[in-house]
Amino acid sequence: MLDMDGDGDLDIYVANYIVFDYDLREPSKFQGKVVYGGPVLYPA
């Protein structure tokens, strides 16, 4: 929260991570193990 325009009340900045879809991609694997794929596999 911040007062972005100096009007005396609190505005809200909301960060967003990835555009997620359950069916967007198959699970990532490393050395035969299912692992979490990094964010670059998804649109920002």
PDB file of all heavy atoms in Angstrom:
ATOM      1  N   MET A   1       0.847  -1.185   0.000  1.00  0.00           N
ATOM      2  CA  MET A   1       0.000   0.000   0.000  1.00  0.00           C
ATOM      3  C   MET A   1       0.884   1.236   0.000  1.00  0.00           C
ATOM      4  O   MET A   1       1.962   1.248   0.592  1.00  0.00           O
ATOM      5  CB  MET A   1      -0.924   0.004   1.211  1.00  0.00           C
ATOM      6  CG  MET A   1      -1.921  -1.136   1.225  1.00  0.00           C
ATOM      7  SD  MET A   1      -3.075  -1.022   2.611  1.00  0.00           S
ATOM      8  CE  MET A   1      -3.957  -2.583   2.435  1.00  0.00           C
ATOM      9  N   LEU A   2       0.404   2.291  -0.658  1.00  0.00           N
ATOM     10  CA  LEU A   2       1.132   3.547  -0.767  1.00  0.00           C
ATOM     11  C   LEU A   2       0.144   4.647  -1.101  1.00  0.00           C
ATOM     12  O   LEU A   2      -0.958   4.377  -1.592  1.00  0.00           O
ATOM     13  CB  LEU A   2       2.198   3.474  -1.860  1.00  0.00           C
ATOM     14  CG  LEU A   2       1.698   3.432  -3.323  1.00  0.00           C
ATOM     15  CD1 LEU A   2       2.790   3.947  -4.254  1.00  0.00           C
ATOM     16  CD2 LEU A   2       1.250   2.047  -3.760  1.00  0.00           C
ATOM     17  N   ASP A   3       0.511   5.872  -0.825  1.00  0.00           N
ATOM     18  CA  ASP A   3      -0.256   7.023  -1.295  1.00  0.00           C
ATOM     19  C   ASP A   3       0.433   7.507  -2.562  1.00  0.00           C
ATOM     20  O   ASP A   3       1.366   8.294  -2.527  1.00  0.00           O
ATOM     21  CB  ASP A   3      -0.287   8.111  -0.226  1.00  0.00           C
ATOM     22  CG  ASP A   3      -1.154   9.299  -0.629  1.00  0.00           C
ATOM     23  OD1 ASP A   3      -1.655   9.314  -1.769  1.00  0.00           O
ATOM     24  OD2 ASP A   3      -1.307  10.214   0.202  1.00  0.00           O
ATOM     25  N   MET A   4      -0.046   7.038  -3.704  1.00  0.00           N
ATOM     26  CA  MET A   4       0.671   7.277  -4.955  1.00  0.00           C
ATOM     27  C   MET A   4       0.533   8.711  -5.451  1.00  0.00           C
ATOM     28  O   MET A   4       1.385   9.200  -6.187  1.00  0.00           O
ATOM     29  CB  MET A   4       0.180   6.311  -6.037  1.00  0.00           C
ATOM     30  CG  MET A   4      -1.219   6.579  -6.526  1.00  0.00           C
ATOM     31  SD  MET A   4      -1.665   5.457  -7.872  1.00  0.00           S
ATOM     32  CE  MET A   4      -3.180   6.229  -8.461  1.00  0.00           C
ATOM     33  N   ASP A   5      -0.556   9.395  -5.044  1.00  0.00           N
ATOM     34  CA  ASP A   5      -0.834  10.718  -5.612  1.00  0.00           C
ATOM     35  C   ASP A   5      -0.948  11.810  -4.563  1.00  0.00           C
ATOM     36  O   ASP A   5      -1.372  12.921  -4.871  1.00  0.00           O
ATOM     37  CB  ASP A   5      -2.110  10.670  -6.457  1.00  0.00           C
ATOM     38  CG  ASP A   5      -3.260   9.976  -5.733  1.00  0.00           C
ATOM     39  OD1 ASP A   5      -3.111   9.677  -4.529  1.00  0.00           O
ATOM     40  OD2 ASP A   5      -4.296   9.719  -6.372  1.00  0.00           O
ATOM     41  N   GLY A   6      -0.591  11.509  -3.316  1.00  0.00           N
ATOM     42  CA  GLY A   6      -0.556  12.523  -2.278  1.00  0.00           C
ATOM     43  C   GLY A   6      -1.900  13.047  -1.843  1.00  0.00           C
ATOM     44  O   GLY A   6      -2.001  14.162  -1.320  1.00  0.00           O
ATOM     45  N   ASP A   7      -2.964  12.238  -2.018  1.00  0.00           N
ATOM     46  CA  ASP A   7      -4.296  12.716  -1.645  1.00  0.00           C
ATOM     47  C   ASP A   7      -4.703  12.290  -0.245  1.00  0.00           C
ATOM     48  O   ASP A   7      -5.837  12.530   0.176  1.00  0.00           O
ATOM     49  CB  ASP A   7      -5.340  12.259  -2.665  1.00  0.00           C
ATOM     50  CG  ASP A   7      -5.493  10.741  -2.723  1.00  0.00           C
ATOM     51  OD1 ASP A   7      -4.725  10.031  -2.037  1.00  0.00           O
ATOM     52  OD2 ASP A   7      -6.372  10.266  -3.474  1.00  0.00           O
ATOM     53  N   GLY A   8      -3.799  11.627   0.482  1.00  0.00           N
ATOM     54  CA  GLY A   8      -4.062  11.302   1.875  1.00  0.00           C
ATOM     55  C   GLY A   8      -4.734   9.976   2.122  1.00  0.00           C
ATOM     56  O   GLY A   8      -5.058   9.665   3.275  1.00  0.00           O
ATOM     57  N   ASP A   9      -4.958   9.163   1.089  1.00  0.00           N
ATOM     58  CA  ASP A   9      -5.469   7.811   1.323  1.00  0.00           C
ATOM     59  C   ASP A   9      -4.577   6.791   0.638  1.00  0.00           C
ATOM     60  O   ASP A   9      -3.720   7.123  -0.185  1.00  0.00           O
ATOM     61  CB  ASP A   9      -6.939   7.658   0.898  1.00  0.00           C
ATOM     62  CG  ASP A   9      -7.188   8.083  -0.544  1.00  0.00           C
ATOM     63  OD1 ASP A   9      -6.277   7.924  -1.385  1.00  0.00           O
ATOM     64  OD2 ASP A   9      -8.297   8.563  -0.843  1.00  0.00           O
ATOM     65  N   LEU A  10      -4.766   5.528   1.001  1.00  0.00           N
ATOM     66  CA  LEU A  10      -3.855   4.480   0.576  1.00  0.00           C
ATOM     67  C   LEU A  10      -4.337   3.786  -0.687  1.00  0.00           C
ATOM     68  O   LEU A  10      -5.468   3.270  -0.745  1.00  0.00           O
ATOM     69  CB  LEU A  10      -3.682   3.443   1.692  1.00  0.00           C
ATOM     70  CG  LEU A  10      -2.937   3.920   2.931  1.00  0.00           C
ATOM     71  CD1 LEU A  10      -2.867   2.809   3.966  1.00  0.00           C
ATOM     72  CD2 LEU A  10      -1.524   4.402   2.571  1.00  0.00           C
ATOM     73  N   ASP A  11      -3.471   3.767  -1.691  1.00  0.00           N
ATOM     74  CA  ASP A  11      -3.680   3.017  -2.916  1.00  0.00           C
ATOM     75  C   ASP A  11      -2.971   1.668  -2.781  1.00  0.00           C
ATOM     76  O   ASP A  11      -2.231   1.429  -1.819  1.00  0.00           O
ATOM     77  CB  ASP A  11      -3.151   3.826  -4.093  1.00  0.00           C
ATOM     78  CG  ASP A  11      -3.632   5.277  -4.037  1.00  0.00           C
ATOM     79  OD1 ASP A  11      -4.843   5.497  -4.137  1.00  0.00           O
ATOM     80  OD2 ASP A  11      -2.781   6.183  -3.831  1.00  0.00           O
ATOM     81  N   ILE A  12      -3.174   0.778  -3.730  1.00  0.00           N
ATOM     82  CA  ILE A  12      -2.663  -0.591  -3.590  1.00  0.00           C
ATOM     83  C   ILE A  12      -1.928  -1.011  -4.861  1.00  0.00           C
ATOM     84  O   ILE A  12      -2.496  -0.965  -5.966  1.00  0.00           O
ATOM     85  CB  ILE A  12      -3.798  -1.582  -3.291  1.00  0.00           C
ATOM     86  CG1 ILE A  12      -4.574  -1.148  -2.034  1.00  0.00           C
ATOM     87  CG2 ILE A  12      -3.242  -2.989  -3.094  1.00  0.00           C
ATOM     88  CD1 ILE A  12      -5.803  -1.980  -1.749  1.00  0.00           C
ATOM     89  N   TYR A  13      -0.664  -1.428  -4.690  1.00  0.00           N
ATOM     90  CA  TYR A  13       0.105  -1.995  -5.798  1.00  0.00           C
ATOM     91  C   TYR A  13       0.066  -3.514  -5.675  1.00  0.00           C
ATOM     92  O   TYR A  13       0.408  -4.068  -4.623  1.00  0.00           O
ATOM     93  CB  TYR A  13       1.556  -1.518  -5.783  1.00  0.00           C
ATOM     94  CG  TYR A  13       2.331  -1.963  -7.007  1.00  0.00           C
ATOM     95  CD1 TYR A  13       2.404  -1.160  -8.137  1.00  0.00           C
ATOM     96  CD2 TYR A  13       2.968  -3.198  -7.039  1.00  0.00           C
ATOM     97  CE1 TYR A  13       3.090  -1.567  -9.270  1.00  0.00           C
ATOM     98  CE2 TYR A  13       3.660  -3.622  -8.168  1.00  0.00           C
ATOM     99  CZ  TYR A  13       3.719  -2.809  -9.285  1.00  0.00           C
ATOM    100  OH  TYR A  13       4.391  -3.223 -10.412  1.00  0.00           O
ATOM    101  N   VAL A  14      -0.319  -4.183  -6.743  1.00  0.00           N
ATOM    102  CA  VAL A  14      -0.506  -5.633  -6.739  1.00  0.00           C
ATOM    103  C   VAL A  14       0.442  -6.254  -7.767  1.00  0.00           C
ATOM    104  O   VAL A  14       0.280  -6.049  -8.969  1.00  0.00           O
ATOM    105  CB  VAL A  14      -1.967  -5.987  -7.087  1.00  0.00           C
ATOM    106  CG1 VAL A  14      -2.174  -7.496  -7.048  1.00  0.00           C
ATOM    107  CG2 VAL A  14      -2.924  -5.293  -6.123  1.00  0.00           C
ATOM    108  N   ALA A  15       1.439  -6.979  -7.294  1.00  0.00           N
ATOM    109  CA  ALA A  15       2.332  -7.688  -8.207  1.00  0.00           C
ATOM    110  C   ALA A  15       1.677  -8.989  -8.656  1.00  0.00           C
ATOM    111  O   ALA A  15       0.999  -9.664  -7.874  1.00  0.00           O
ATOM    112  CB  ALA A  15       3.667  -7.974  -7.542  1.00  0.00           C
ATOM    113  N   ASN A  16       1.887  -9.338  -9.912  1.00  0.00           N
ATOM    114  CA  ASN A  16       1.370 -10.588 -10.466  1.00  0.00           C
ATOM    115  C   ASN A  16       2.538 -11.432 -10.975  1.00  0.00           C
ATOM    116  O   ASN A  16       3.553 -10.906 -11.434  1.00  0.00           O
ATOM    117  CB  ASN A  16       0.384 -10.306 -11.598  1.00  0.00           C
ATOM    118  CG  ASN A  16      -0.848  -9.567 -11.107  1.00  0.00           C
ATOM    119  OD1 ASN A  16      -1.477  -9.964 -10.139  1.00  0.00           O
ATOM    120  ND2 ASN A  16      -1.187  -8.455 -11.762  1.00  0.00           N
ATOM    121  N   TYR A  17       2.368 -12.750 -10.900  1.00  0.00           N
ATOM    122  CA  TYR A  17       3.502 -13.656 -11.142  1.00  0.00           C
ATOM    123  C   TYR A  17       3.481 -14.232 -12.557  1.00  0.00           C
ATOM    124  O   TYR A  17       4.261 -13.811 -13.411  1.00  0.00           O
ATOM    125  CB  TYR A  17       3.485 -14.758 -10.094  1.00  0.00           C
ATOM    126  CG  TYR A  17       4.718 -15.635 -10.088  1.00  0.00           C
ATOM    127  CD1 TYR A  17       5.993 -15.099 -10.313  1.00  0.00           C
ATOM    128  CD2 TYR A  17       4.625 -16.997  -9.854  1.00  0.00           C
ATOM    129  CE1 TYR A  17       7.121 -15.903 -10.289  1.00  0.00           C
ATOM    130  CE2 TYR A  17       5.753 -17.811  -9.821  1.00  0.00           C
ATOM    131  CZ  TYR A  17       6.992 -17.267 -10.050  1.00  0.00           C
ATOM    132  OH  TYR A  17       8.105 -18.064 -10.019  1.00  0.00           O
ATOM    133  N   ILE A  18       2.584 -15.177 -12.817  1.00  0.00           N
ATOM    134  CA  ILE A  18       2.543 -15.851 -14.112  1.00  0.00           C
ATOM    135  C   ILE A  18       1.109 -15.940 -14.604  1.00  0.00           C
ATOM    136  O   ILE A  18       0.158 -15.836 -13.834  1.00  0.00           O
ATOM    137  CB  ILE A  18       3.130 -17.287 -14.027  1.00  0.00           C
ATOM    138  CG1 ILE A  18       2.359 -18.114 -12.981  1.00  0.00           C
ATOM    139  CG2 ILE A  18       4.616 -17.239 -13.716  1.00  0.00           C
ATOM    140  CD1 ILE A  18       2.770 -19.568 -12.911  1.00  0.00           C
ATOM    141  N   VAL A  19       0.951 -16.128 -15.915  1.00  0.00           N
ATOM    142  CA  VAL A  19      -0.342 -16.490 -16.480  1.00  0.00           C
ATOM    143  C   VAL A  19      -0.416 -18.009 -16.425  1.00  0.00           C
ATOM    144  O   VAL A  19       0.250 -18.704 -17.192  1.00  0.00           O
ATOM    145  CB  VAL A  19      -0.487 -15.983 -17.923  1.00  0.00           C
ATOM    146  CG1 VAL A  19      -1.840 -16.411 -18.487  1.00  0.00           C
ATOM    147  CG2 VAL A  19      -0.341 -14.466 -17.976  1.00  0.00           C
ATOM    148  N   PHE A  20      -1.202 -18.498 -15.478  1.00  0.00           N
ATOM    149  CA  PHE A  20      -1.199 -19.938 -15.189  1.00  0.00           C
ATOM    150  C   PHE A  20      -2.441 -20.614 -15.751  1.00  0.00           C
ATOM    151  O   PHE A  20      -3.542 -20.076 -15.696  1.00  0.00           O
ATOM    152  CB  PHE A  20      -1.133 -20.164 -13.680  1.00  0.00           C
ATOM    153  CG  PHE A  20      -1.162 -21.615 -13.286  1.00  0.00           C
ATOM    154  CD1 PHE A  20      -0.039 -22.417 -13.483  1.00  0.00           C
ATOM    155  CD2 PHE A  20      -2.295 -22.184 -12.731  1.00  0.00           C
ATOM    156  CE1 PHE A  20      -0.064 -23.770 -13.137  1.00  0.00           C
ATOM    157  CE2 PHE A  20      -2.327 -23.515 -12.377  1.00  0.00           C
ATOM    158  CZ  PHE A  20      -1.212 -24.309 -12.577  1.00  0.00           C
ATOM    159  N   ASP A  21      -2.217 -21.821 -16.279  1.00  0.00           N
ATOM    160  CA  ASP A  21      -3.310 -22.659 -16.762  1.00  0.00           C
ATOM    161  C   ASP A  21      -2.908 -24.096 -16.475  1.00  0.00           C
ATOM    162  O   ASP A  21      -1.800 -24.514 -16.811  1.00  0.00           O
ATOM    163  CB  ASP A  21      -3.523 -22.431 -18.262  1.00  0.00           C
ATOM    164  CG  ASP A  21      -4.757 -23.141 -18.800  1.00  0.00           C
ATOM    165  OD1 ASP A  21      -4.965 -24.318 -18.455  1.00  0.00           O
ATOM    166  OD2 ASP A  21      -5.502 -22.526 -19.577  1.00  0.00           O
ATOM    167  N   TYR A  22      -3.804 -24.858 -15.862  1.00  0.00           N
ATOM    168  CA  TYR A  22      -3.486 -26.248 -15.526  1.00  0.00           C
ATOM    169  C   TYR A  22      -3.090 -27.054 -16.754  1.00  0.00           C
ATOM    170  O   TYR A  22      -2.271 -27.978 -16.682  1.00  0.00           O
ATOM    171  CB  TYR A  22      -4.690 -26.918 -14.865  1.00  0.00           C
ATOM    172  CG  TYR A  22      -4.944 -26.472 -13.452  1.00  0.00           C
ATOM    173  CD1 TYR A  22      -6.064 -25.713 -13.139  1.00  0.00           C
ATOM    174  CD2 TYR A  22      -4.080 -26.826 -12.423  1.00  0.00           C
ATOM    175  CE1 TYR A  22      -6.314 -25.310 -11.843  1.00  0.00           C
ATOM    176  CE2 TYR A  22      -4.320 -26.426 -11.119  1.00  0.00           C
ATOM    177  CZ  TYR A  22      -5.435 -25.671 -10.828  1.00  0.00           C
ATOM    178  OH  TYR A  22      -5.682 -25.273  -9.542  1.00  0.00           O
ATOM    179  N   ASP A  23      -3.669 -26.722 -17.886  1.00  0.00           N
ATOM    180  CA  ASP A  23      -3.451 -27.511 -19.104  1.00  0.00           C
ATOM    181  C   ASP A  23      -2.440 -26.881 -20.050  1.00  0.00           C
ATOM    182  O   ASP A  23      -2.307 -27.317 -21.191  1.00  0.00           O
ATOM    183  CB  ASP A  23      -4.788 -27.697 -19.828  1.00  0.00           C
ATOM    184  CG  ASP A  23      -5.820 -28.385 -18.957  1.00  0.00           C
ATOM    185  OD1 ASP A  23      -5.448 -29.328 -18.239  1.00  0.00           O
ATOM    186  OD2 ASP A  23      -6.994 -27.955 -18.983  1.00  0.00           O
ATOM    187  N   LEU A  24      -1.738 -25.856 -19.579  1.00  0.00           N
ATOM    188  CA  LEU A  24      -0.831 -25.133 -20.463  1.00  0.00           C
ATOM    189  C   LEU A  24       0.352 -25.979 -20.902  1.00  0.00           C
ATOM    190  O   LEU A  24       0.828 -25.876 -22.024  1.00  0.00           O
ATOM    191  CB  LEU A  24      -0.333 -23.863 -19.762  1.00  0.00           C
ATOM    192  CG  LEU A  24       0.581 -22.946 -20.573  1.00  0.00           C
ATOM    193  CD1 LEU A  24      -0.178 -22.387 -21.774  1.00  0.00           C
ATOM    194  CD2 LEU A  24       1.116 -21.806 -19.716  1.00  0.00           C
ATOM    195  N   ARG A  25       0.836 -26.853 -20.001  1.00  0.00           N
ATOM    196  CA  ARG A  25       2.067 -27.585 -20.302  1.00  0.00           C
ATOM    197  C   ARG A  25       2.118 -28.855 -19.474  1.00  0.00           C
ATOM    198  O   ARG A  25       1.459 -28.989 -18.450  1.00  0.00           O
ATOM    199  CB  ARG A  25       3.293 -26.736 -19.985  1.00  0.00           C
ATOM    200  CG  ARG A  25       3.192 -25.940 -18.705  1.00  0.00           C
ATOM    201  CD  ARG A  25       4.518 -25.402 -18.269  1.00  0.00           C
ATOM    202  NE  ARG A  25       5.387 -26.465 -17.810  1.00  0.00           N
ATOM    203  CZ  ARG A  25       5.306 -26.992 -16.588  1.00  0.00           C
ATOM    204  NH1 ARG A  25       4.433 -26.561 -15.716  1.00  0.00           N
ATOM    205  NH2 ARG A  25       6.110 -27.973 -16.242  1.00  0.00           N
ATOM    206  N   GLU A  26       2.933 -29.792 -19.937  1.00  0.00           N
ATOM    207  CA  GLU A  26       3.171 -31.019 -19.187  1.00  0.00           C
ATOM    208  C   GLU A  26       4.108 -30.727 -18.010  1.00  0.00           C
ATOM    209  O   GLU A  26       4.871 -29.756 -18.041  1.00  0.00           O
ATOM    210  CB  GLU A  26       3.814 -32.072 -20.104  1.00  0.00           C
ATOM    211  CG  GLU A  26       2.907 -32.565 -21.212  1.00  0.00           C
ATOM    212  CD  GLU A  26       1.695 -33.305 -20.696  1.00  0.00           C
ATOM    213  OE1 GLU A  26       1.857 -34.076 -19.728  1.00  0.00           O
ATOM    214  OE2 GLU A  26       0.597 -33.096 -21.233  1.00  0.00           O
ATOM    215  N   PRO A  27       4.073 -31.566 -16.963  1.00  0.00           N
ATOM    216  CA  PRO A  27       4.984 -31.357 -15.841  1.00  0.00           C
ATOM    217  C   PRO A  27       6.450 -31.397 -16.279  1.00  0.00           C
ATOM    218  O   PRO A  27       6.824 -32.161 -17.183  1.00  0.00           O
ATOM    219  CB  PRO A  27       4.658 -32.531 -14.906  1.00  0.00           C
ATOM    220  CG  PRO A  27       3.263 -32.930 -15.268  1.00  0.00           C
ATOM    221  CD  PRO A  27       3.148 -32.677 -16.739  1.00  0.00           C
ATOM    222  N   SER A  28       7.271 -30.557 -15.659  1.00  0.00           N
ATOM    223  CA  SER A  28       8.707 -30.546 -15.954  1.00  0.00           C
ATOM    224  C   SER A  28       9.383 -31.729 -15.286  1.00  0.00           C
ATOM    225  O   SER A  28       8.956 -32.203 -14.222  1.00  0.00           O
ATOM    226  CB  SER A  28       9.334 -29.241 -15.449  1.00  0.00           C
ATOM    227  OG  SER A  28       8.784 -28.133 -16.114  1.00  0.00           O
ATOM    228  N   LYS A  29      10.457 -32.200 -15.891  1.00  0.00           N
ATOM    229  CA  LYS A  29      11.202 -33.322 -15.320  1.00  0.00           C
ATOM    230  C   LYS A  29      12.688 -33.022 -15.333  1.00  0.00           C
ATOM    231  O   LYS A  29      13.197 -32.334 -16.218  1.00  0.00           O
ATOM    232  CB  LYS A  29      10.918 -34.610 -16.100  1.00  0.00           C
ATOM    233  CG  LYS A  29       9.514 -35.144 -15.926  1.00  0.00           C
ATOM    234  CD  LYS A  29       9.333 -36.508 -16.578  1.00  0.00           C
ATOM    235  CE  LYS A  29       7.937 -37.051 -16.322  1.00  0.00           C
ATOM    236  NZ  LYS A  29       7.768 -38.388 -16.938  1.00  0.00           N
ATOM    237  N   PHE A  30      13.383 -33.552 -14.319  1.00  0.00           N
ATOM    238  CA  PHE A  30      14.835 -33.452 -14.252  1.00  0.00           C
ATOM    239  C   PHE A  30      15.354 -34.762 -13.685  1.00  0.00           C
ATOM    240  O   PHE A  30      14.919 -35.216 -12.621  1.00  0.00           O
ATOM    241  CB  PHE A  30      15.265 -32.282 -13.365  1.00  0.00           C
ATOM    242  CG  PHE A  30      16.760 -32.077 -13.321  1.00  0.00           C
ATOM    243  CD1 PHE A  30      17.410 -31.439 -14.365  1.00  0.00           C
ATOM    244  CD2 PHE A  30      17.508 -32.535 -12.255  1.00  0.00           C
ATOM    245  CE1 PHE A  30      18.779 -31.258 -14.342  1.00  0.00           C
ATOM    246  CE2 PHE A  30      18.877 -32.355 -12.219  1.00  0.00           C
ATOM    247  CZ  PHE A  30      19.514 -31.712 -13.273  1.00  0.00           C
ATOM    248  N   GLN A  31      16.260 -35.414 -14.424  1.00  0.00           N
ATOM    249  CA  GLN A  31      16.800 -36.713 -14.041  1.00  0.00           C
ATOM    250  C   GLN A  31      15.680 -37.704 -13.737  1.00  0.00           C
ATOM    251  O   GLN A  31      15.747 -38.496 -12.792  1.00  0.00           O
ATOM    252  CB  GLN A  31      17.745 -36.586 -12.851  1.00  0.00           C
ATOM    253  CG  GLN A  31      18.998 -35.784 -13.155  1.00  0.00           C
ATOM    254  CD  GLN A  31      19.993 -35.786 -12.012  1.00  0.00           C
ATOM    255  OE1 GLN A  31      19.809 -36.452 -10.999  1.00  0.00           O
ATOM    256  NE2 GLN A  31      21.069 -35.031 -12.171  1.00  0.00           N
ATOM    257  N   GLY A  32      14.627 -37.632 -14.528  1.00  0.00           N
ATOM    258  CA  GLY A  32      13.516 -38.548 -14.387  1.00  0.00           C
ATOM    259  C   GLY A  32      12.542 -38.197 -13.291  1.00  0.00           C
ATOM    260  O   GLY A  32      11.542 -38.901 -13.108  1.00  0.00           O
ATOM    261  N   LYS A  33      12.771 -37.131 -12.560  1.00  0.00           N
ATOM    262  CA  LYS A  33      11.897 -36.717 -11.471  1.00  0.00           C
ATOM    263  C   LYS A  33      11.011 -35.556 -11.926  1.00  0.00           C
ATOM    264  O   LYS A  33      11.470 -34.647 -12.622  1.00  0.00           O
ATOM    265  CB  LYS A  33      12.712 -36.265 -10.255  1.00  0.00           C
ATOM    266  CG  LYS A  33      13.760 -37.274  -9.783  1.00  0.00           C
ATOM    267  CD  LYS A  33      13.124 -38.507  -9.177  1.00  0.00           C
ATOM    268  CE  LYS A  33      14.190 -39.448  -8.632  1.00  0.00           C
ATOM    269  NZ  LYS A  33      13.594 -40.682  -8.056  1.00  0.00           N
ATOM    270  N   VAL A  34       9.759 -35.579 -11.500  1.00  0.00           N
ATOM    271  CA  VAL A  34       8.873 -34.463 -11.771  1.00  0.00           C
ATOM    272  C   VAL A  34       9.240 -33.311 -10.838  1.00  0.00           C
ATOM    273  O   VAL A  34       9.335 -33.492  -9.622  1.00  0.00           O
ATOM    274  CB  VAL A  34       7.401 -34.855 -11.569  1.00  0.00           C
ATOM    275  CG1 VAL A  34       6.491 -33.638 -11.769  1.00  0.00           C
ATOM    276  CG2 VAL A  34       7.005 -35.955 -12.543  1.00  0.00           C
ATOM    277  N   VAL A  35       9.472 -32.120 -11.409  1.00  0.00           N
ATOM    278  CA  VAL A  35       9.897 -30.959 -10.628  1.00  0.00           C
ATOM    279  C   VAL A  35       9.036 -29.762 -11.009  1.00  0.00           C
ATOM    280  O   VAL A  35       8.244 -29.806 -11.955  1.00  0.00           O
ATOM    281  CB  VAL A  35      11.390 -30.634 -10.881  1.00  0.00           C
ATOM    282  CG1 VAL A  35      12.291 -31.762 -10.410  1.00  0.00           C
ATOM    283  CG2 VAL A  35      11.647 -30.329 -12.364  1.00  0.00           C
ATOM    284  N   TYR A  36       9.211 -28.696 -10.262  1.00  0.00           N
ATOM    285  CA  TYR A  36       8.502 -27.459 -10.574  1.00  0.00           C
ATOM    286  C   TYR A  36       9.196 -26.736 -11.724  1.00  0.00           C
ATOM    287  O   TYR A  36      10.385 -26.412 -11.648  1.00  0.00           O
ATOM    288  CB  TYR A  36       8.466 -26.541  -9.351  1.00  0.00           C
ATOM    289  CG  TYR A  36       7.638 -27.074  -8.216  1.00  0.00           C
ATOM    290  CD1 TYR A  36       8.242 -27.641  -7.093  1.00  0.00           C
ATOM    291  CD2 TYR A  36       6.251 -27.026  -8.269  1.00  0.00           C
ATOM    292  CE1 TYR A  36       7.475 -28.138  -6.051  1.00  0.00           C
ATOM    293  CE2 TYR A  36       5.480 -27.518  -7.229  1.00  0.00           C
ATOM    294  CZ  TYR A  36       6.095 -28.074  -6.126  1.00  0.00           C
ATOM    295  OH  TYR A  36       5.332 -28.566  -5.090  1.00  0.00           O
ATOM    296  N   GLY A  37       8.474 -26.472 -12.784  1.00  0.00           N
ATOM    297  CA  GLY A  37       9.026 -25.686 -13.875  1.00  0.00           C
ATOM    298  C   GLY A  37       9.140 -24.228 -13.489  1.00  0.00           C
ATOM    299  O   GLY A  37       8.342 -23.709 -12.705  1.00  0.00           O
ATOM    300  N   GLY A  38      10.146 -23.549 -14.024  1.00  0.00           N
ATOM    301  CA  GLY A  38      10.385 -22.153 -13.686  1.00  0.00           C
ATOM    302  C   GLY A  38       9.363 -21.218 -14.315  1.00  0.00           C
ATOM    303  O   GLY A  38       8.590 -21.603 -15.203  1.00  0.00           O
ATOM    304  N   PRO A  39       9.343 -19.959 -13.892  1.00  0.00           N
ATOM    305  CA  PRO A  39       8.345 -19.011 -14.396  1.00  0.00           C
ATOM    306  C   PRO A  39       8.478 -18.700 -15.874  1.00  0.00           C
ATOM    307  O   PRO A  39       7.493 -18.311 -16.515  1.00  0.00           O
ATOM    308  CB  PRO A  39       8.605 -17.764 -13.546  1.00  0.00           C
ATOM    309  CG  PRO A  39      10.028 -17.873 -13.125  1.00  0.00           C
ATOM    310  CD  PRO A  39      10.250 -19.346 -12.912  1.00  0.00           C
ATOM    311  N   VAL A  40       9.686 -18.851 -16.426  1.00  0.00           N
ATOM    312  CA  VAL A  40       9.869 -18.503 -17.837  1.00  0.00           C
ATOM    313  C   VAL A  40       9.114 -19.442 -18.768  1.00  0.00           C
ATOM    314  O   VAL A  40       9.024 -19.182 -19.964  1.00  0.00           O
ATOM    315  CB  VAL A  40      11.369 -18.486 -18.195  1.00  0.00           C
ATOM    316  CG1 VAL A  40      12.090 -17.392 -17.427  1.00  0.00           C
ATOM    317  CG2 VAL A  40      12.015 -19.837 -17.946  1.00  0.00           C
ATOM    318  N   LEU A  41       8.563 -20.521 -18.232  1.00  0.00           N
ATOM    319  CA  LEU A  41       7.730 -21.406 -19.040  1.00  0.00           C
ATOM    320  C   LEU A  41       6.317 -20.852 -19.235  1.00  0.00           C
ATOM    321  O   LEU A  41       5.541 -21.393 -20.019  1.00  0.00           O
ATOM    322  CB  LEU A  41       7.639 -22.783 -18.375  1.00  0.00           C
ATOM    323  CG  LEU A  41       8.960 -23.548 -18.235  1.00  0.00           C
ATOM    324  CD1 LEU A  41       8.749 -24.825 -17.450  1.00  0.00           C
ATOM    325  CD2 LEU A  41       9.553 -23.864 -19.606  1.00  0.00           C
ATOM    326  N   TYR A  42       6.001 -19.770 -18.527  1.00  0.00           N
ATOM    327  CA  TYR A  42       4.666 -19.186 -18.571  1.00  0.00           C
ATOM    328  C   TYR A  42       4.749 -17.739 -19.049  1.00  0.00           C
ATOM    329  O   TYR A  42       5.748 -17.069 -18.829  1.00  0.00           O
ATOM    330  CB  TYR A  42       4.028 -19.200 -17.181  1.00  0.00           C
ATOM    331  CG  TYR A  42       3.896 -20.561 -16.560  1.00  0.00           C
ATOM    332  CD1 TYR A  42       4.940 -21.106 -15.820  1.00  0.00           C
ATOM    333  CD2 TYR A  42       2.719 -21.295 -16.690  1.00  0.00           C
ATOM    334  CE1 TYR A  42       4.826 -22.348 -15.237  1.00  0.00           C
ATOM    335  CE2 TYR A  42       2.598 -22.544 -16.104  1.00  0.00           C
ATOM    336  CZ  TYR A  42       3.644 -23.076 -15.382  1.00  0.00           C
ATOM    337  OH  TYR A  42       3.529 -24.304 -14.799  1.00  0.00           O
ATOM    338  N   PRO A  43       3.678 -17.233 -19.656  1.00  0.00           N
ATOM    339  CA  PRO A  43       3.658 -15.797 -19.977  1.00  0.00           C
ATOM    340  C   PRO A  43       3.704 -14.960 -18.704  1.00  0.00           C
ATOM    341  O   PRO A  43       3.195 -15.364 -17.650  1.00  0.00           O
ATOM    342  CB  PRO A  43       2.313 -15.616 -20.698  1.00  0.00           C
ATOM    343  CG  PRO A  43       1.916 -16.986 -21.161  1.00  0.00           C
ATOM    344  CD  PRO A  43       2.480 -17.938 -20.154  1.00  0.00           C
ATOM    345  N   ALA A  44       4.328 -13.798 -18.792  1.00  0.00           N
ATOM    346  CA  ALA A  44       4.347 -12.864 -17.668  1.00  0.00           C
ATOM    347  C   ALA A  44       3.026 -12.090 -17.638  1.00  0.00           C
ATOM    348  O   ALA A  44       2.387 -11.888 -18.667  1.00  0.00           O
ATOM    349  CB  ALA A  44       5.523 -11.911 -17.790  1.00  0.00           C
TER     350      ALA A  44
END
